[in-house]
């Protein structure tokens, strides 16, 4: 991306003042992402039993978790999958749960776990709203 475009986007985002404005930006970005393929044509789970099936994830979790949306990347390499979150404010990048997970043990080939896909997970949206709230408090 060109430096000028990044600068313009940064300036625009500094002006966001309400959750509604942030939601509008997320909508526009979501529409733009829909036009861009992030995934290879053959998904990681194409020849394997997907993690959400192995773990019997309910539809409510499956619809929010990024693993089914980004099937070209294994779940342990995606920031913010449902399994990586906890009640203590985790950002979804702690892979220690993955090390003991039967899905990783079966398909991970014992390779070191490294997050490859950032900013698409469940907690990413929570952090964005929290950061906006902090900005609003600072303005007051």
C-alpha atoms as a PDB file:
ATOM      1  CA  UNK A   1       0.000   0.000   0.000  1.00  0.00           C
ATOM      2  CA  UNK A   2       1.295   3.434  -0.841  1.00  0.00           C
ATOM      3  CA  UNK A   3       2.589   5.570   2.030  1.00  0.00           C
ATOM      4  CA  UNK A   4       0.214   8.414   1.109  1.00  0.00           C
ATOM      5  CA  UNK A   5      -2.796   6.080   1.294  1.00  0.00           C
ATOM      6  CA  UNK A   6      -1.711   4.781   4.690  1.00  0.00           C
ATOM      7  CA  UNK A   7      -1.265   8.334   5.938  1.00  0.00           C
ATOM      8  CA  UNK A   8      -4.741   9.293   4.708  1.00  0.00           C
ATOM      9  CA  UNK A   9      -6.294   6.257   6.396  1.00  0.00           C
ATOM     10  CA  UNK A  10      -4.454   7.000   9.636  1.00  0.00           C
ATOM     11  CA  UNK A  11      -5.756  10.571   9.642  1.00  0.00           C
ATOM     12  CA  UNK A  12      -9.284   9.369   8.916  1.00  0.00           C
ATOM     13  CA  UNK A  13      -9.195   6.840  11.750  1.00  0.00           C
ATOM     14  CA  UNK A  14      -7.973   9.491  14.204  1.00  0.00           C
ATOM     15  CA  UNK A  15     -11.237  11.323  13.576  1.00  0.00           C
ATOM     16  CA  UNK A  16     -13.448   8.384  14.547  1.00  0.00           C
ATOM     17  CA  UNK A  17     -15.398   9.471  17.580  1.00  0.00           C
ATOM     18  CA  UNK A  18     -18.308   7.072  18.088  1.00  0.00           C
ATOM     19  CA  UNK A  19     -18.937   3.341  17.911  1.00  0.00           C
ATOM     20  CA  UNK A  20     -21.375   4.003  15.055  1.00  0.00           C
ATOM     21  CA  UNK A  21     -18.627   5.648  13.007  1.00  0.00           C
ATOM     22  CA  UNK A  22     -16.323   2.692  13.732  1.00  0.00           C
ATOM     23  CA  UNK A  23     -19.087   0.276  12.710  1.00  0.00           C
ATOM     24  CA  UNK A  24     -19.496   2.143   9.412  1.00  0.00           C
ATOM     25  CA  UNK A  25     -15.763   1.881   8.723  1.00  0.00           C
ATOM     26  CA  UNK A  26     -15.820  -1.846   9.605  1.00  0.00           C
ATOM     27  CA  UNK A  27     -18.707  -2.304   7.162  1.00  0.00           C
ATOM     28  CA  UNK A  28     -16.809  -0.613   4.335  1.00  0.00           C
ATOM     29  CA  UNK A  29     -13.640  -2.571   5.093  1.00  0.00           C
ATOM     30  CA  UNK A  30     -15.660  -5.796   5.238  1.00  0.00           C
ATOM     31  CA  UNK A  31     -17.124  -5.093   1.816  1.00  0.00           C
ATOM     32  CA  UNK A  32     -13.645  -4.409   0.438  1.00  0.00           C
ATOM     33  CA  UNK A  33     -12.283  -7.616   1.989  1.00  0.00           C
ATOM     34  CA  UNK A  34     -15.075  -9.548   0.314  1.00  0.00           C
ATOM     35  CA  UNK A  35     -13.604  -8.559  -3.039  1.00  0.00           C
ATOM     36  CA  UNK A  36     -10.093  -9.745  -2.120  1.00  0.00           C
ATOM     37  CA  UNK A  37      -9.177 -13.391  -1.713  1.00  0.00           C
ATOM     38  CA  UNK A  38      -7.004 -13.909   1.368  1.00  0.00           C
ATOM     39  CA  UNK A  39      -7.041 -17.661   1.048  1.00  0.00           C
ATOM     40  CA  UNK A  40      -5.446 -20.045  -1.373  1.00  0.00           C
ATOM     41  CA  UNK A  41      -7.844 -22.050  -3.510  1.00  0.00           C
ATOM     42  CA  UNK A  42      -7.177 -25.218  -1.517  1.00  0.00           C
ATOM     43  CA  UNK A  43      -7.876 -24.770   2.183  1.00  0.00           C
ATOM     44  CA  UNK A  44      -5.840 -26.342   4.956  1.00  0.00           C
ATOM     45  CA  UNK A  45      -8.929 -28.224   6.154  1.00  0.00           C
ATOM     46  CA  UNK A  46      -9.981 -29.459   2.716  1.00  0.00           C
ATOM     47  CA  UNK A  47      -8.555 -32.966   3.215  1.00  0.00           C
ATOM     48  CA  UNK A  48      -8.781 -32.998   7.026  1.00  0.00           C
ATOM     49  CA  UNK A  49     -11.542 -33.012   9.618  1.00  0.00           C
ATOM     50  CA  UNK A  50     -11.851 -29.311  10.563  1.00  0.00           C
ATOM     51  CA  UNK A  51     -11.154 -28.223  14.121  1.00  0.00           C
ATOM     52  CA  UNK A  52     -14.722 -26.948  14.592  1.00  0.00           C
ATOM     53  CA  UNK A  53     -16.035 -30.414  13.790  1.00  0.00           C
ATOM     54  CA  UNK A  54     -13.470 -32.224  15.943  1.00  0.00           C
ATOM     55  CA  UNK A  55     -14.292 -29.928  18.872  1.00  0.00           C
ATOM     56  CA  UNK A  56     -18.060 -29.976  18.196  1.00  0.00           C
ATOM     57  CA  UNK A  57     -18.285 -26.184  18.231  1.00  0.00           C
ATOM     58  CA  UNK A  58     -21.850 -24.859  18.453  1.00  0.00           C
ATOM     59  CA  UNK A  59     -23.023 -22.677  15.566  1.00  0.00           C
ATOM     60  CA  UNK A  60     -22.814 -19.508  17.709  1.00  0.00           C
ATOM     61  CA  UNK A  61     -19.100 -20.055  18.288  1.00  0.00           C
ATOM     62  CA  UNK A  62     -18.432 -21.282  14.754  1.00  0.00           C
ATOM     63  CA  UNK A  63     -20.023 -18.155  13.289  1.00  0.00           C
ATOM     64  CA  UNK A  64     -17.728 -15.858  15.331  1.00  0.00           C
ATOM     65  CA  UNK A  65     -14.501 -17.856  15.211  1.00  0.00           C
ATOM     66  CA  UNK A  66     -12.087 -17.020  12.364  1.00  0.00           C
ATOM     67  CA  UNK A  67     -10.987 -20.649  11.799  1.00  0.00           C
ATOM     68  CA  UNK A  68     -13.972 -21.560   9.553  1.00  0.00           C
ATOM     69  CA  UNK A  69     -13.665 -18.241   7.704  1.00  0.00           C
ATOM     70  CA  UNK A  70      -9.958 -18.615   6.907  1.00  0.00           C
ATOM     71  CA  UNK A  71      -9.744 -22.286   6.044  1.00  0.00           C
ATOM     72  CA  UNK A  72      -6.408 -21.934   4.265  1.00  0.00           C
ATOM     73  CA  UNK A  73      -4.694 -21.423   7.629  1.00  0.00           C
ATOM     74  CA  UNK A  74      -4.695 -23.916  10.501  1.00  0.00           C
ATOM     75  CA  UNK A  75      -6.559 -22.728  13.588  1.00  0.00           C
ATOM     76  CA  UNK A  76      -3.441 -22.662  15.766  1.00  0.00           C
ATOM     77  CA  UNK A  77      -1.879 -20.099  13.393  1.00  0.00           C
ATOM     78  CA  UNK A  78      -4.801 -17.640  13.596  1.00  0.00           C
ATOM     79  CA  UNK A  79      -4.955 -14.919  16.243  1.00  0.00           C
ATOM     80  CA  UNK A  80      -8.264 -14.721  18.093  1.00  0.00           C
ATOM     81  CA  UNK A  81      -9.744 -18.172  17.565  1.00  0.00           C
ATOM     82  CA  UNK A  82     -12.349 -19.036  20.146  1.00  0.00           C
ATOM     83  CA  UNK A  83     -10.111 -21.603  21.842  1.00  0.00           C
ATOM     84  CA  UNK A  84      -7.356 -19.050  22.490  1.00  0.00           C
ATOM     85  CA  UNK A  85      -9.605 -16.616  24.346  1.00  0.00           C
ATOM     86  CA  UNK A  86     -10.240 -16.688  28.076  1.00  0.00           C
ATOM     87  CA  UNK A  87     -12.079 -14.688  30.716  1.00  0.00           C
ATOM     88  CA  UNK A  88      -8.974 -12.766  31.725  1.00  0.00           C
ATOM     89  CA  UNK A  89      -8.629 -10.377  28.806  1.00  0.00           C
ATOM     90  CA  UNK A  90      -6.464 -12.551  26.557  1.00  0.00           C
ATOM     91  CA  UNK A  91      -5.889 -11.114  23.100  1.00  0.00           C
ATOM     92  CA  UNK A  92      -6.138 -14.486  21.440  1.00  0.00           C
ATOM     93  CA  UNK A  93      -2.458 -14.872  20.631  1.00  0.00           C
ATOM     94  CA  UNK A  94      -1.483 -17.263  23.424  1.00  0.00           C
ATOM     95  CA  UNK A  95      -0.920 -20.610  21.719  1.00  0.00           C
ATOM     96  CA  UNK A  96      -0.250 -22.623  24.894  1.00  0.00           C
ATOM     97  CA  UNK A  97      -3.745 -24.146  24.664  1.00  0.00           C
ATOM     98  CA  UNK A  98      -2.898 -25.316  21.144  1.00  0.00           C
ATOM     99  CA  UNK A  99       0.075 -27.334  22.378  1.00  0.00           C
ATOM    100  CA  UNK A 100      -2.243 -29.687  24.271  1.00  0.00           C
ATOM    101  CA  UNK A 101      -5.079 -29.639  21.732  1.00  0.00           C
ATOM    102  CA  UNK A 102      -5.936 -32.875  19.944  1.00  0.00           C
ATOM    103  CA  UNK A 103      -6.434 -30.997  16.666  1.00  0.00           C
ATOM    104  CA  UNK A 104      -2.878 -29.598  16.719  1.00  0.00           C
ATOM    105  CA  UNK A 105      -1.464 -32.924  17.888  1.00  0.00           C
ATOM    106  CA  UNK A 106      -3.129 -34.652  14.961  1.00  0.00           C
ATOM    107  CA  UNK A 107      -2.427 -32.157  12.174  1.00  0.00           C
ATOM    108  CA  UNK A 108       0.336 -29.848  13.431  1.00  0.00           C
ATOM    109  CA  UNK A 109       3.218 -32.195  12.582  1.00  0.00           C
ATOM    110  CA  UNK A 110       4.888 -31.192  15.880  1.00  0.00           C
ATOM    111  CA  UNK A 111       6.151 -27.990  14.248  1.00  0.00           C
ATOM    112  CA  UNK A 112       6.511 -24.891  16.433  1.00  0.00           C
ATOM    113  CA  UNK A 113       3.325 -22.834  16.601  1.00  0.00           C
ATOM    114  CA  UNK A 114       3.557 -19.361  15.091  1.00  0.00           C
ATOM    115  CA  UNK A 115       0.646 -16.977  14.526  1.00  0.00           C
ATOM    116  CA  UNK A 116       0.428 -16.232  10.801  1.00  0.00           C
ATOM    117  CA  UNK A 117      -2.918 -14.460  10.493  1.00  0.00           C
ATOM    118  CA  UNK A 118      -3.432 -11.404  12.694  1.00  0.00           C
ATOM    119  CA  UNK A 119      -6.361  -9.064  13.249  1.00  0.00           C
ATOM    120  CA  UNK A 120      -9.162 -11.314  12.035  1.00  0.00           C
ATOM    121  CA  UNK A 121     -10.138 -12.923  15.327  1.00  0.00           C
ATOM    122  CA  UNK A 122     -12.897 -12.497  17.854  1.00  0.00           C
ATOM    123  CA  UNK A 123     -10.946 -10.340  20.305  1.00  0.00           C
ATOM    124  CA  UNK A 124      -9.746  -7.964  17.582  1.00  0.00           C
ATOM    125  CA  UNK A 125     -13.171  -6.315  17.409  1.00  0.00           C
ATOM    126  CA  UNK A 126     -13.409  -6.149  21.200  1.00  0.00           C
ATOM    127  CA  UNK A 127     -10.023  -4.396  21.376  1.00  0.00           C
ATOM    128  CA  UNK A 128     -11.042  -1.899  18.683  1.00  0.00           C
ATOM    129  CA  UNK A 129     -14.155  -0.885  20.622  1.00  0.00           C
ATOM    130  CA  UNK A 130     -12.194  -0.676  23.897  1.00  0.00           C
ATOM    131  CA  UNK A 131      -9.543   1.514  22.258  1.00  0.00           C
ATOM    132  CA  UNK A 132     -12.254   3.776  20.890  1.00  0.00           C
ATOM    133  CA  UNK A 133     -13.743   4.093  24.384  1.00  0.00           C
ATOM    134  CA  UNK A 134     -10.342   5.029  25.778  1.00  0.00           C
ATOM    135  CA  UNK A 135      -9.964   7.694  23.093  1.00  0.00           C
ATOM    136  CA  UNK A 136     -13.368   9.121  23.972  1.00  0.00           C
ATOM    137  CA  UNK A 137     -12.448   9.253  27.672  1.00  0.00           C
ATOM    138  CA  UNK A 138      -9.202  11.028  26.834  1.00  0.00           C
ATOM    139  CA  UNK A 139     -11.092  13.654  24.819  1.00  0.00           C
ATOM    140  CA  UNK A 140     -13.446  14.390  27.720  1.00  0.00           C
END
